[in-house]
Amino acid sequence: MMPRLLSEDAAAAYLGIHRETFEQHVRQHISPVEIGARKLWDIKALDHWLDQQSGLVEALRPVGDWLAGLGDDRAAARR
């Protein structure tokens, strides 16, 4: 079973980067979950951050929003 919360080393490995790169470029954008003295990173937050970096978040917009952005009148009919 894959744990949902990862240590900093594991979070860096999950993203395929070195820990130093994680500290410099990722850690400032994702808040860790604190459990006692431990700081852990949620896989869902890591995935969301990575989706934003790679431009996938834009592709996940609802179809109606895409149509409205294209000026398609059918978007209003769907709402």
PDB file of N, CA and C in Angstrom:
ATOM      1  N   MET A   1       0.844  -1.167   0.000  1.00  0.00           N
ATOM      2  CA  MET A   1       0.000   0.000   0.000  1.00  0.00           C
ATOM      3  C   MET A   1       0.899   1.242   0.000  1.00  0.00           C
ATOM      4  N   MET A   2       0.544   2.206  -0.830  1.00  0.00           N
ATOM      5  CA  MET A   2       1.288   3.470  -0.903  1.00  0.00           C
ATOM      6  C   MET A   2       0.725   4.430   0.146  1.00  0.00           C
ATOM      7  N   PRO A   3       1.562   4.941   1.046  1.00  0.00           N
ATOM      8  CA  PRO A   3       1.051   5.905   2.028  1.00  0.00           C
ATOM      9  C   PRO A   3       0.686   7.218   1.344  1.00  0.00           C
ATOM     10  N   ARG A   4      -0.311   7.897   1.878  1.00  0.00           N
ATOM     11  CA  ARG A   4      -0.723   9.181   1.306  1.00  0.00           C
ATOM     12  C   ARG A   4       0.206  10.303   1.743  1.00  0.00           C
ATOM     13  N   LEU A   5       0.765  10.210   2.928  1.00  0.00           N
ATOM     14  CA  LEU A   5       1.678  11.232   3.440  1.00  0.00           C
ATOM     15  C   LEU A   5       3.110  10.737   3.315  1.00  0.00           C
ATOM     16  N   LEU A   6       3.979  11.608   2.815  1.00  0.00           N
ATOM     17  CA  LEU A   6       5.367  11.241   2.567  1.00  0.00           C
ATOM     18  C   LEU A   6       6.327  12.154   3.315  1.00  0.00           C
ATOM     19  N   SER A   7       7.455  11.590   3.727  1.00  0.00           N
ATOM     20  CA  SER A   7       8.526  12.416   4.290  1.00  0.00           C
ATOM     21  C   SER A   7       9.066  13.304   3.176  1.00  0.00           C
ATOM     22  N   GLU A   8       9.888  14.261   3.536  1.00  0.00           N
ATOM     23  CA  GLU A   8      10.447  15.160   2.517  1.00  0.00           C
ATOM     24  C   GLU A   8      11.292  14.388   1.498  1.00  0.00           C
ATOM     25  N   ASP A   9      12.088  13.451   1.977  1.00  0.00           N
ATOM     26  CA  ASP A   9      12.893  12.640   1.055  1.00  0.00           C
ATOM     27  C   ASP A   9      12.003  11.837   0.107  1.00  0.00           C
ATOM     28  N   ALA A  10      10.957  11.227   0.655  1.00  0.00           N
ATOM     29  CA  ALA A  10      10.052  10.426  -0.166  1.00  0.00           C
ATOM     30  C   ALA A  10       9.257  11.304  -1.127  1.00  0.00           C
ATOM     31  N   ALA A  11       8.856  12.507  -0.679  1.00  0.00           N
ATOM     32  CA  ALA A  11       8.124  13.434  -1.551  1.00  0.00           C
ATOM     33  C   ALA A  11       8.992  13.861  -2.726  1.00  0.00           C
ATOM     34  N   ALA A  12      10.254  14.132  -2.454  1.00  0.00           N
ATOM     35  CA  ALA A  12      11.186  14.495  -3.525  1.00  0.00           C
ATOM     36  C   ALA A  12      11.343  13.329  -4.500  1.00  0.00           C
ATOM     37  N   ALA A  13      11.509  12.134  -3.973  1.00  0.00           N
ATOM     38  CA  ALA A  13      11.643  10.947  -4.826  1.00  0.00           C
ATOM     39  C   ALA A  13      10.373  10.722  -5.634  1.00  0.00           C
ATOM     40  N   TYR A  14       9.208  10.930  -5.019  1.00  0.00           N
ATOM     41  CA  TYR A  14       7.926  10.780  -5.714  1.00  0.00           C
ATOM     42  C   TYR A  14       7.858  11.703  -6.933  1.00  0.00           C
ATOM     43  N   LEU A  15       8.382  12.922  -6.789  1.00  0.00           N
ATOM     44  CA  LEU A  15       8.387  13.879  -7.902  1.00  0.00           C
ATOM     45  C   LEU A  15       9.555  13.648  -8.862  1.00  0.00           C
ATOM     46  N   GLY A  16      10.480  12.776  -8.470  1.00  0.00           N
ATOM     47  CA  GLY A  16      11.618  12.483  -9.335  1.00  0.00           C
ATOM     48  C   GLY A  16      12.710  13.525  -9.288  1.00  0.00           C
ATOM     49  N   ILE A  17      12.833  14.201  -8.145  1.00  0.00           N
ATOM     50  CA  ILE A  17      13.836  15.254  -7.993  1.00  0.00           C
ATOM     51  C   ILE A  17      14.659  15.016  -6.725  1.00  0.00           C
ATOM     52  N   HIS A  18      15.783  15.708  -6.612  1.00  0.00           N
ATOM     53  CA  HIS A  18      16.614  15.628  -5.415  1.00  0.00           C
ATOM     54  C   HIS A  18      15.965  16.419  -4.285  1.00  0.00           C
ATOM     55  N   ARG A  19      16.321  16.063  -3.064  1.00  0.00           N
ATOM     56  CA  ARG A  19      15.776  16.758  -1.895  1.00  0.00           C
ATOM     57  C   ARG A  19      16.087  18.257  -1.935  1.00  0.00           C
ATOM     58  N   GLU A  20      17.290  18.612  -2.362  1.00  0.00           N
ATOM     59  CA  GLU A  20      17.671  20.023  -2.429  1.00  0.00           C
ATOM     60  C   GLU A  20      16.770  20.787  -3.412  1.00  0.00           C
ATOM     61  N   THR A  21      16.455  20.153  -4.518  1.00  0.00           N
ATOM     62  CA  THR A  21      15.558  20.767  -5.503  1.00  0.00           C
ATOM     63  C   THR A  21      14.165  20.919  -4.908  1.00  0.00           C
ATOM     64  N   PHE A  22      13.708  19.913  -4.168  1.00  0.00           N
ATOM     65  CA  PHE A  22      12.412  19.982  -3.489  1.00  0.00           C
ATOM     66  C   PHE A  22      12.380  21.174  -2.539  1.00  0.00           C
ATOM     67  N   GLU A  23      13.442  21.310  -1.738  1.00  0.00           N
ATOM     68  CA  GLU A  23      13.511  22.406  -0.769  1.00  0.00           C
ATOM     69  C   GLU A  23      13.500  23.772  -1.449  1.00  0.00           C
ATOM     70  N   GLN A  24      14.173  23.905  -2.578  1.00  0.00           N
ATOM     71  CA  GLN A  24      14.293  25.188  -3.263  1.00  0.00           C
ATOM     72  C   GLN A  24      13.054  25.552  -4.082  1.00  0.00           C
ATOM     73  N   HIS A  25      12.413  24.572  -4.690  1.00  0.00           N
ATOM     74  CA  HIS A  25      11.385  24.893  -5.677  1.00  0.00           C
ATOM     75  C   HIS A  25       9.972  24.418  -5.353  1.00  0.00           C
ATOM     76  N   VAL A  26       9.832  23.446  -4.488  1.00  0.00           N
ATOM     77  CA  VAL A  26       8.506  22.879  -4.233  1.00  0.00           C
ATOM     78  C   VAL A  26       8.002  23.228  -2.841  1.00  0.00           C
ATOM     79  N   ARG A  27       8.850  23.074  -1.858  1.00  0.00           N
ATOM     80  CA  ARG A  27       8.444  23.229  -0.461  1.00  0.00           C
ATOM     81  C   ARG A  27       7.757  24.561  -0.175  1.00  0.00           C
ATOM     82  N   GLN A  28       8.165  25.603  -0.841  1.00  0.00           N
ATOM     83  CA  GLN A  28       7.571  26.929  -0.601  1.00  0.00           C
ATOM     84  C   GLN A  28       6.142  27.024  -1.123  1.00  0.00           C
ATOM     85  N   HIS A  29       5.716  26.093  -1.973  1.00  0.00           N
ATOM     86  CA  HIS A  29       4.383  26.140  -2.573  1.00  0.00           C
ATOM     87  C   HIS A  29       3.398  25.162  -1.945  1.00  0.00           C
ATOM     88  N   ILE A  30       3.898  24.200  -1.187  1.00  0.00           N
ATOM     89  CA  ILE A  30       3.036  23.185  -0.591  1.00  0.00           C
ATOM     90  C   ILE A  30       3.291  23.144   0.906  1.00  0.00           C
ATOM     91  N   SER A  31       2.238  23.305   1.676  1.00  0.00           N
ATOM     92  CA  SER A  31       2.375  23.234   3.126  1.00  0.00           C
ATOM     93  C   SER A  31       2.354  21.782   3.573  1.00  0.00           C
ATOM     94  N   PRO A  32       3.249  21.422   4.487  1.00  0.00           N
ATOM     95  CA  PRO A  32       3.238  20.048   4.985  1.00  0.00           C
ATOM     96  C   PRO A  32       2.105  19.842   5.990  1.00  0.00           C
ATOM     97  N   VAL A  33       1.748  18.593   6.172  1.00  0.00           N
ATOM     98  CA  VAL A  33       0.820  18.200   7.233  1.00  0.00           C
ATOM     99  C   VAL A  33       1.705  17.900   8.434  1.00  0.00           C
ATOM    100  N   GLU A  34       1.417  18.558   9.546  1.00  0.00           N
ATOM    101  CA  GLU A  34       2.233  18.351  10.742  1.00  0.00           C
ATOM    102  C   GLU A  34       1.533  17.376  11.676  1.00  0.00           C
ATOM    103  N   ILE A  35       2.217  16.288  11.984  1.00  0.00           N
ATOM    104  CA  ILE A  35       1.721  15.296  12.926  1.00  0.00           C
ATOM    105  C   ILE A  35       2.801  15.159  13.996  1.00  0.00           C
ATOM    106  N   GLY A  36       2.527  15.731  15.148  1.00  0.00           N
ATOM    107  CA  GLY A  36       3.550  15.792  16.185  1.00  0.00           C
ATOM    108  C   GLY A  36       4.694  16.645  15.684  1.00  0.00           C
ATOM    109  N   ALA A  37       5.897  16.131  15.788  1.00  0.00           N
ATOM    110  CA  ALA A  37       7.079  16.863  15.326  1.00  0.00           C
ATOM    111  C   ALA A  37       7.378  16.589  13.849  1.00  0.00           C
ATOM    112  N   ARG A  38       6.628  15.663  13.246  1.00  0.00           N
ATOM    113  CA  ARG A  38       6.897  15.290  11.848  1.00  0.00           C
ATOM    114  C   ARG A  38       6.176  16.211  10.871  1.00  0.00           C
ATOM    115  N   LYS A  39       6.845  16.507   9.778  1.00  0.00           N
ATOM    116  CA  LYS A  39       6.255  17.258   8.679  1.00  0.00           C
ATOM    117  C   LYS A  39       6.186  16.310   7.492  1.00  0.00           C
ATOM    118  N   LEU A  40       4.961  16.114   6.981  1.00  0.00           N
ATOM    119  CA  LEU A  40       4.734  15.169   5.899  1.00  0.00           C
ATOM    120  C   LEU A  40       4.006  15.850   4.760  1.00  0.00           C
ATOM    121  N   TRP A  41       4.243  15.378   3.544  1.00  0.00           N
ATOM    122  CA  TRP A  41       3.632  15.986   2.360  1.00  0.00           C
ATOM    123  C   TRP A  41       2.601  15.055   1.777  1.00  0.00           C
ATOM    124  N   ASP A  42       1.433  15.619   1.510  1.00  0.00           N
ATOM    125  CA  ASP A  42       0.291  14.879   0.978  1.00  0.00           C
ATOM    126  C   ASP A  42       0.493  14.634  -0.521  1.00  0.00           C
ATOM    127  N   ILE A  43       0.352  13.394  -0.942  1.00  0.00           N
ATOM    128  CA  ILE A  43       0.517  13.049  -2.356  1.00  0.00           C
ATOM    129  C   ILE A  43      -0.453  13.838  -3.231  1.00  0.00           C
ATOM    130  N   LYS A  44      -1.674  14.048  -2.753  1.00  0.00           N
ATOM    131  CA  LYS A  44      -2.653  14.792  -3.563  1.00  0.00           C
ATOM    132  C   LYS A  44      -2.194  16.232  -3.779  1.00  0.00           C
ATOM    133  N   ALA A  45      -1.596  16.848  -2.767  1.00  0.00           N
ATOM    134  CA  ALA A  45      -1.080  18.212  -2.910  1.00  0.00           C
ATOM    135  C   ALA A  45       0.104  18.231  -3.873  1.00  0.00           C
ATOM    136  N   LEU A  46       0.956  17.211  -3.788  1.00  0.00           N
ATOM    137  CA  LEU A  46       2.082  17.114  -4.715  1.00  0.00           C
ATOM    138  C   LEU A  46       1.586  16.951  -6.152  1.00  0.00           C
ATOM    139  N   ASP A  47       0.580  16.089  -6.332  1.00  0.00           N
ATOM    140  CA  ASP A  47       0.011  15.887  -7.670  1.00  0.00           C
ATOM    141  C   ASP A  47      -0.607  17.170  -8.208  1.00  0.00           C
ATOM    142  N   HIS A  48      -1.332  17.883  -7.358  1.00  0.00           N
ATOM    143  CA  HIS A  48      -1.974  19.133  -7.782  1.00  0.00           C
ATOM    144  C   HIS A  48      -0.920  20.162  -8.190  1.00  0.00           C
ATOM    145  N   TRP A  49       0.132  20.296  -7.386  1.00  0.00           N
ATOM    146  CA  TRP A  49       1.213  21.237  -7.714  1.00  0.00           C
ATOM    147  C   TRP A  49       1.857  20.859  -9.046  1.00  0.00           C
ATOM    148  N   LEU A  50       2.129  19.574  -9.237  1.00  0.00           N
ATOM    149  CA  LEU A  50       2.755  19.119 -10.473  1.00  0.00           C
ATOM    150  C   LEU A  50       1.832  19.338 -11.677  1.00  0.00           C
ATOM    151  N   ASP A  51       0.527  19.102 -11.496  1.00  0.00           N
ATOM    152  CA  ASP A  51      -0.436  19.366 -12.570  1.00  0.00           C
ATOM    153  C   ASP A  51      -0.422  20.839 -12.968  1.00  0.00           C
ATOM    154  N   GLN A  52      -0.326  21.722 -11.977  1.00  0.00           N
ATOM    155  CA  GLN A  52      -0.251  23.159 -12.267  1.00  0.00           C
ATOM    156  C   GLN A  52       1.024  23.493 -13.038  1.00  0.00           C
ATOM    157  N   GLN A  53       2.140  22.908 -12.622  1.00  0.00           N
ATOM    158  CA  GLN A  53       3.423  23.197 -13.268  1.00  0.00           C
ATOM    159  C   GLN A  53       3.449  22.709 -14.711  1.00  0.00           C
ATOM    160  N   SER A  54       2.793  21.594 -14.976  1.00  0.00           N
ATOM    161  CA  SER A  54       2.836  21.015 -16.317  1.00  0.00           C
ATOM    162  C   SER A  54       1.684  21.478 -17.206  1.00  0.00           C
ATOM    163  N   GLY A  55       0.801  22.349 -16.663  1.00  0.00           N
ATOM    164  CA  GLY A  55      -0.290  22.892 -17.468  1.00  0.00           C
ATOM    165  C   GLY A  55      -1.510  22.000 -17.546  1.00  0.00           C
ATOM    166  N   LEU A  56      -1.568  20.927 -16.784  1.00  0.00           N
ATOM    167  CA  LEU A  56      -2.706  20.019 -16.838  1.00  0.00           C
ATOM    168  C   LEU A  56      -3.949  20.560 -16.154  1.00  0.00           C
ATOM    169  N   VAL A  57      -3.798  21.472 -15.220  1.00  0.00           N
ATOM    170  CA  VAL A  57      -4.954  22.019 -14.512  1.00  0.00           C
ATOM    171  C   VAL A  57      -5.875  22.718 -15.494  1.00  0.00           C
ATOM    172  N   GLU A  58      -5.319  23.436 -16.431  1.00  0.00           N
ATOM    173  CA  GLU A  58      -6.122  24.129 -17.439  1.00  0.00           C
ATOM    174  C   GLU A  58      -6.938  23.138 -18.262  1.00  0.00           C
ATOM    175  N   ALA A  59      -6.363  21.982 -18.547  1.00  0.00           N
ATOM    176  CA  ALA A  59      -7.049  20.980 -19.371  1.00  0.00           C
ATOM    177  C   ALA A  59      -8.183  20.301 -18.624  1.00  0.00           C
ATOM    178  N   LEU A  60      -8.254  20.464 -17.316  1.00  0.00           N
ATOM    179  CA  LEU A  60      -9.279  19.796 -16.531  1.00  0.00           C
ATOM    180  C   LEU A  60     -10.519  20.656 -16.290  1.00  0.00           C
ATOM    181  N   ARG A  61     -10.610  21.812 -16.953  1.00  0.00           N
ATOM    182  CA  ARG A  61     -11.779  22.669 -16.783  1.00  0.00           C
ATOM    183  C   ARG A  61     -13.023  21.979 -17.331  1.00  0.00           C
ATOM    184  N   PRO A  62     -14.216  22.284 -16.781  1.00  0.00           N
ATOM    185  CA  PRO A  62     -15.457  21.715 -17.310  1.00  0.00           C
ATOM    186  C   PRO A  62     -15.667  22.108 -18.778  1.00  0.00           C
ATOM    187  N   VAL A  63     -16.336  21.244 -19.527  1.00  0.00           N
ATOM    188  CA  VAL A  63     -16.566  21.463 -20.952  1.00  0.00           C
ATOM    189  C   VAL A  63     -17.283  22.787 -21.200  1.00  0.00           C
ATOM    190  N   GLY A  64     -18.259  23.127 -20.365  1.00  0.00           N
ATOM    191  CA  GLY A  64     -18.988  24.385 -20.533  1.00  0.00           C
ATOM    192  C   GLY A  64     -18.089  25.598 -20.464  1.00  0.00           C
ATOM    193  N   ASP A  65     -17.097  25.544 -19.587  1.00  0.00           N
ATOM    194  CA  ASP A  65     -16.144  26.649 -19.474  1.00  0.00           C
ATOM    195  C   ASP A  65     -15.292  26.759 -20.740  1.00  0.00           C
ATOM    196  N   TRP A  66     -14.891  25.605 -21.283  1.00  0.00           N
ATOM    197  CA  TRP A  66     -14.130  25.611 -22.538  1.00  0.00           C
ATOM    198  C   TRP A  66     -14.957  26.225 -23.665  1.00  0.00           C
ATOM    199  N   LEU A  67     -16.226  25.800 -23.760  1.00  0.00           N
ATOM    200  CA  LEU A  67     -17.091  26.308 -24.825  1.00  0.00           C
ATOM    201  C   LEU A  67     -17.309  27.813 -24.674  1.00  0.00           C
ATOM    202  N   ALA A  68     -17.529  28.256 -23.441  1.00  0.00           N
ATOM    203  CA  ALA A  68     -17.729  29.688 -23.206  1.00  0.00           C
ATOM    204  C   ALA A  68     -16.486  30.472 -23.606  1.00  0.00           C
ATOM    205  N   GLY A  69     -15.323  29.929 -23.304  1.00  0.00           N
ATOM    206  CA  GLY A  69     -14.077  30.584 -23.670  1.00  0.00           C
ATOM    207  C   GLY A  69     -13.883  30.676 -25.174  1.00  0.00           C
ATOM    208  N   LEU A  70     -14.497  29.752 -25.886  1.00  0.00           N
ATOM    209  CA  LEU A  70     -14.415  29.758 -27.347  1.00  0.00           C
ATOM    210  C   LEU A  70     -15.520  30.582 -27.991  1.00  0.00           C
ATOM    211  N   GLY A  71     -16.432  31.096 -27.153  1.00  0.00           N
ATOM    212  CA  GLY A  71     -17.544  31.892 -27.674  1.00  0.00           C
ATOM    213  C   GLY A  71     -18.685  31.049 -28.198  1.00  0.00           C
ATOM    214  N   ASP A  72     -18.772  29.801 -27.789  1.00  0.00           N
ATOM    215  CA  ASP A  72     -19.824  28.891 -28.245  1.00  0.00           C
ATOM    216  C   ASP A  72     -21.088  29.145 -27.427  1.00  0.00           C
ATOM    217  N   ASP A  73     -22.199  29.451 -28.085  1.00  0.00           N
ATOM    218  CA  ASP A  73     -23.461  29.748 -27.413  1.00  0.00           C
ATOM    219  C   ASP A  73     -24.053  28.529 -26.707  1.00  0.00           C
ATOM    220  N   ARG A  74     -23.639  27.345 -27.072  1.00  0.00           N
ATOM    221  CA  ARG A  74     -24.164  26.148 -26.416  1.00  0.00           C
ATOM    222  C   ARG A  74     -23.765  26.090 -24.954  1.00  0.00           C
ATOM    223  N   ALA A  75     -22.718  26.804 -24.551  1.00  0.00           N
ATOM    224  CA  ALA A  75     -22.269  26.806 -23.164  1.00  0.00           C
ATOM    225  C   ALA A  75     -23.353  27.384 -22.262  1.00  0.00           C
ATOM    226  N   ALA A  76     -24.045  28.424 -22.695  1.00  0.00           N
ATOM    227  CA  ALA A  76     -25.113  29.027 -21.891  1.00  0.00           C
ATOM    228  C   ALA A  76     -26.277  28.066 -21.731  1.00  0.00           C
ATOM    229  N   ALA A  77     -26.571  27.294 -22.746  1.00  0.00           N
ATOM    230  CA  ALA A  77     -27.686  26.345 -22.690  1.00  0.00           C
ATOM    231  C   ALA A  77     -27.418  25.215 -21.704  1.00  0.00           C
ATOM    232  N   ARG A  78     -26.165  24.898 -21.440  1.00  0.00           N
ATOM    233  CA  ARG A  78     -25.819  23.822 -20.519  1.00  0.00           C
ATOM    234  C   ARG A  78     -25.900  24.233 -19.068  1.00  0.00           C
ATOM    235  N   ARG A  79     -25.926  25.513 -18.797  1.00  0.00           N
ATOM    236  CA  ARG A  79     -25.932  25.994 -17.408  1.00  0.00           C
ATOM    237  C   ARG A  79     -27.276  26.108 -16.863  1.00  0.00           C
TER     238      ARG A  79
END
